[in-house]
Each structure stands twice: as structure tokens, then as C-alpha cells.
Amino acid sequence: MQVRIRADGFDGVMRMVARGAGLAIVPLAAVERGSGGLSFKSLALQEPWGQRKLLLCARDFAALPGYAKALLHALTLP
């Protein structure tokens, strides 16, 4: 049996899980932000495939406006 369900964002997914509709993989930030009042347990994934690599993307980093360059600088500090 292969069942797929669409939900309206991570909040919807977590509400479905809290109501017993199975399990889901969601970002840690979504659980920390939106689990208030919902009854479910969460476990951090320890497998290599569960670790996310995040990338910043832009058409041309040199052509970014000042506010975007400031954000880029803040996010790429060592």
C-alpha cells in the first residue's frame, strides 16, 4: 500500500501526525516553532541522508542590493 497525502505546509503535516495519521519528516525549526499544543513526539534523524546542506543562491552575488549583501555577509561568517 502506497499512500501519499498533501498538507498545507509543515504545520498541517504536524497536525495530521498529532491526530494519528502516521509519521512525517519535517525540519527541526518547524517542530520548534509550531508544535505548541500538539501531542506528538519527535526524534532527530542521525543518518547521513537526514543531514541537510543549505546553500545560498543568487543570480549574481556582486549585483545584490546593500540589504541582501548584508544578509549574505551575516550568514556566511565563519
N, C-alpha and C. Protein backbone atom coordinates (compact mmCIF):
# COMPACT_ATOMS: atom_id res chain seq x y z
N MET A 1 0.84 -1.17 0.00
CA MET A 1 0.00 0.00 0.00
C MET A 1 0.89 1.24 0.00
N GLN A 2 0.71 2.09 -0.95
CA GLN A 2 1.47 3.33 -1.04
C GLN A 2 0.49 4.49 -1.01
N VAL A 3 0.50 5.23 0.09
CA VAL A 3 -0.42 6.33 0.26
C VAL A 3 0.37 7.63 0.37
N ARG A 4 -0.06 8.65 -0.35
CA ARG A 4 0.54 9.97 -0.24
C ARG A 4 -0.55 10.96 0.10
N ILE A 5 -0.22 11.84 1.00
CA ILE A 5 -1.18 12.86 1.42
C ILE A 5 -0.50 14.21 1.32
N ARG A 6 -1.20 15.19 0.82
CA ARG A 6 -0.68 16.55 0.77
C ARG A 6 -1.25 17.34 1.93
N ALA A 7 -0.41 18.17 2.50
CA ALA A 7 -0.85 19.02 3.60
C ALA A 7 -0.41 20.45 3.31
N ASP A 8 -1.06 21.37 3.95
CA ASP A 8 -0.77 22.78 3.76
C ASP A 8 0.41 23.18 4.64
N GLY A 9 1.62 22.89 4.19
CA GLY A 9 2.83 23.25 4.92
C GLY A 9 3.13 22.31 6.06
N PHE A 10 4.22 22.62 6.76
CA PHE A 10 4.66 21.76 7.87
C PHE A 10 3.68 21.79 9.03
N ASP A 11 3.01 22.91 9.25
CA ASP A 11 2.03 22.98 10.33
C ASP A 11 0.91 21.98 10.10
N GLY A 12 0.45 21.90 8.86
CA GLY A 12 -0.60 20.93 8.53
C GLY A 12 -0.13 19.50 8.70
N VAL A 13 1.11 19.23 8.32
CA VAL A 13 1.67 17.89 8.47
C VAL A 13 1.72 17.51 9.94
N MET A 14 2.19 18.43 10.77
CA MET A 14 2.30 18.12 12.20
C MET A 14 0.93 17.94 12.85
N ARG A 15 -0.07 18.69 12.40
CA ARG A 15 -1.44 18.49 12.92
C ARG A 15 -1.95 17.10 12.55
N MET A 16 -1.65 16.66 11.32
CA MET A 16 -2.08 15.33 10.90
C MET A 16 -1.41 14.24 11.73
N VAL A 17 -0.11 14.40 11.98
CA VAL A 17 0.62 13.43 12.80
C VAL A 17 0.04 13.42 14.22
N ALA A 18 -0.23 14.59 14.78
CA ALA A 18 -0.78 14.66 16.13
C ALA A 18 -2.14 13.98 16.24
N ARG A 19 -2.85 13.90 15.12
CA ARG A 19 -4.17 13.25 15.11
C ARG A 19 -4.09 11.78 14.70
N GLY A 20 -2.85 11.25 14.56
CA GLY A 20 -2.69 9.83 14.32
C GLY A 20 -2.61 9.41 12.88
N ALA A 21 -2.32 10.33 11.97
CA ALA A 21 -2.30 10.00 10.54
C ALA A 21 -0.95 9.45 10.08
N GLY A 22 -0.12 8.97 10.99
CA GLY A 22 1.15 8.38 10.59
C GLY A 22 2.32 9.17 11.10
N LEU A 23 3.37 9.22 10.29
CA LEU A 23 4.56 9.95 10.67
C LEU A 23 5.02 10.85 9.54
N ALA A 24 5.93 11.75 9.85
CA ALA A 24 6.39 12.70 8.84
C ALA A 24 7.83 13.10 9.14
N ILE A 25 8.52 13.54 8.11
CA ILE A 25 9.85 14.12 8.26
C ILE A 25 9.70 15.62 8.01
N VAL A 26 10.03 16.41 9.04
CA VAL A 26 9.92 17.86 8.94
C VAL A 26 11.19 18.49 9.51
N PRO A 27 11.50 19.72 9.13
CA PRO A 27 12.67 20.39 9.69
C PRO A 27 12.53 20.64 11.19
N LEU A 28 13.65 20.60 11.90
CA LEU A 28 13.65 20.86 13.33
C LEU A 28 13.03 22.22 13.64
N ALA A 29 13.32 23.21 12.82
CA ALA A 29 12.78 24.55 13.05
C ALA A 29 11.25 24.54 13.03
N ALA A 30 10.65 23.73 12.18
CA ALA A 30 9.19 23.66 12.12
C ALA A 30 8.62 23.06 13.40
N VAL A 31 9.28 22.04 13.92
CA VAL A 31 8.82 21.42 15.17
C VAL A 31 8.96 22.41 16.32
N GLU A 32 10.10 23.09 16.40
CA GLU A 32 10.32 24.05 17.49
C GLU A 32 9.35 25.21 17.40
N ARG A 33 9.02 25.64 16.21
CA ARG A 33 8.14 26.80 16.02
C ARG A 33 6.67 26.44 16.20
N GLY A 34 6.25 25.28 15.69
CA GLY A 34 4.82 25.04 15.59
C GLY A 34 4.24 23.88 16.35
N SER A 35 4.94 23.33 17.33
CA SER A 35 4.39 22.15 18.00
C SER A 35 3.60 22.50 19.25
N GLY A 36 3.45 23.76 19.57
CA GLY A 36 2.72 24.15 20.78
C GLY A 36 1.30 23.63 20.78
N GLY A 37 0.97 22.88 21.80
CA GLY A 37 -0.38 22.37 21.94
C GLY A 37 -0.66 21.08 21.19
N LEU A 38 0.26 20.65 20.33
CA LEU A 38 0.06 19.40 19.59
C LEU A 38 0.69 18.25 20.35
N SER A 39 0.04 17.10 20.29
CA SER A 39 0.51 15.93 21.03
C SER A 39 1.20 14.95 20.10
N PHE A 40 2.52 15.07 20.00
CA PHE A 40 3.32 14.10 19.26
C PHE A 40 4.74 14.14 19.79
N LYS A 41 5.50 13.12 19.47
CA LYS A 41 6.90 13.04 19.87
C LYS A 41 7.76 13.20 18.63
N SER A 42 8.97 13.69 18.82
CA SER A 42 9.88 13.84 17.68
C SER A 42 11.25 13.27 18.03
N LEU A 43 11.91 12.77 17.01
CA LEU A 43 13.26 12.23 17.13
C LEU A 43 14.13 12.88 16.06
N ALA A 44 15.34 13.24 16.43
CA ALA A 44 16.28 13.79 15.45
C ALA A 44 16.83 12.65 14.59
N LEU A 45 16.91 12.87 13.29
CA LEU A 45 17.49 11.87 12.39
C LEU A 45 19.00 11.87 12.56
N GLN A 46 19.59 10.67 12.65
CA GLN A 46 21.04 10.56 12.83
C GLN A 46 21.73 10.02 11.58
N GLU A 47 20.96 9.60 10.60
CA GLU A 47 21.54 9.05 9.37
C GLU A 47 22.11 10.16 8.50
N PRO A 48 23.16 9.87 7.74
CA PRO A 48 23.75 10.90 6.87
C PRO A 48 22.75 11.53 5.90
N TRP A 49 21.80 10.75 5.38
CA TRP A 49 20.84 11.31 4.43
C TRP A 49 19.90 12.31 5.10
N GLY A 50 19.81 12.26 6.44
CA GLY A 50 18.93 13.17 7.16
C GLY A 50 19.56 14.51 7.48
N GLN A 51 20.85 14.64 7.22
CA GLN A 51 21.54 15.90 7.48
C GLN A 51 21.39 16.79 6.25
N ARG A 52 21.01 18.02 6.47
CA ARG A 52 20.75 18.93 5.35
C ARG A 52 21.95 19.81 5.07
N LYS A 53 22.18 20.06 3.82
CA LYS A 53 23.19 21.01 3.39
C LYS A 53 22.44 22.18 2.78
N LEU A 54 22.61 23.34 3.38
CA LEU A 54 21.89 24.52 2.91
C LEU A 54 22.81 25.39 2.07
N LEU A 55 22.28 25.93 1.00
CA LEU A 55 23.06 26.76 0.09
C LEU A 55 22.38 28.10 -0.12
N LEU A 56 23.17 29.14 -0.26
CA LEU A 56 22.65 30.45 -0.65
C LEU A 56 22.77 30.56 -2.15
N CYS A 57 21.73 31.02 -2.80
CA CYS A 57 21.73 31.11 -4.26
C CYS A 57 21.38 32.54 -4.68
N ALA A 58 22.05 33.01 -5.71
CA ALA A 58 21.76 34.32 -6.30
C ALA A 58 22.22 34.29 -7.74
N ARG A 59 21.58 35.06 -8.56
CA ARG A 59 22.00 35.15 -9.96
C ARG A 59 23.41 35.73 -10.04
N ASP A 60 23.66 36.79 -9.26
CA ASP A 60 24.97 37.45 -9.26
C ASP A 60 25.17 38.07 -7.88
N PHE A 61 26.01 37.45 -7.05
CA PHE A 61 26.21 37.94 -5.69
C PHE A 61 26.75 39.38 -5.68
N ALA A 62 27.57 39.73 -6.66
CA ALA A 62 28.14 41.06 -6.71
C ALA A 62 27.08 42.13 -7.01
N ALA A 63 25.98 41.75 -7.64
CA ALA A 63 24.94 42.71 -8.03
C ALA A 63 23.82 42.82 -6.99
N LEU A 64 23.95 42.17 -5.85
CA LEU A 64 22.90 42.23 -4.83
C LEU A 64 22.79 43.64 -4.25
N PRO A 65 21.58 44.05 -3.87
CA PRO A 65 21.43 45.35 -3.19
C PRO A 65 22.07 45.28 -1.80
N GLY A 66 22.32 46.43 -1.21
CA GLY A 66 23.02 46.51 0.07
C GLY A 66 22.44 45.64 1.17
N TYR A 67 21.11 45.64 1.34
CA TYR A 67 20.50 44.83 2.40
C TYR A 67 20.73 43.34 2.18
N ALA A 68 20.71 42.90 0.91
CA ALA A 68 20.94 41.48 0.62
C ALA A 68 22.41 41.12 0.83
N LYS A 69 23.32 42.05 0.49
CA LYS A 69 24.74 41.80 0.75
C LYS A 69 25.01 41.70 2.25
N ALA A 70 24.32 42.53 3.04
CA ALA A 70 24.48 42.46 4.50
C ALA A 70 23.99 41.11 5.04
N LEU A 71 22.88 40.64 4.52
CA LEU A 71 22.38 39.32 4.93
C LEU A 71 23.35 38.23 4.51
N LEU A 72 23.83 38.29 3.27
CA LEU A 72 24.81 37.32 2.77
C LEU A 72 26.03 37.29 3.69
N HIS A 73 26.54 38.46 4.04
CA HIS A 73 27.71 38.54 4.91
C HIS A 73 27.42 37.92 6.28
N ALA A 74 26.27 38.23 6.85
CA ALA A 74 25.92 37.72 8.17
C ALA A 74 25.77 36.20 8.16
N LEU A 75 25.24 35.66 7.08
CA LEU A 75 25.01 34.21 7.01
C LEU A 75 26.26 33.42 6.66
N THR A 76 27.29 34.08 6.14
CA THR A 76 28.48 33.36 5.72
C THR A 76 29.69 33.64 6.61
N LEU A 77 29.47 34.27 7.76
CA LEU A 77 30.57 34.48 8.69
C LEU A 77 31.05 33.14 9.21
N PRO A 78 32.36 33.00 9.42
CA PRO A 78 32.88 31.72 9.94
C PRO A 78 32.44 31.44 11.36
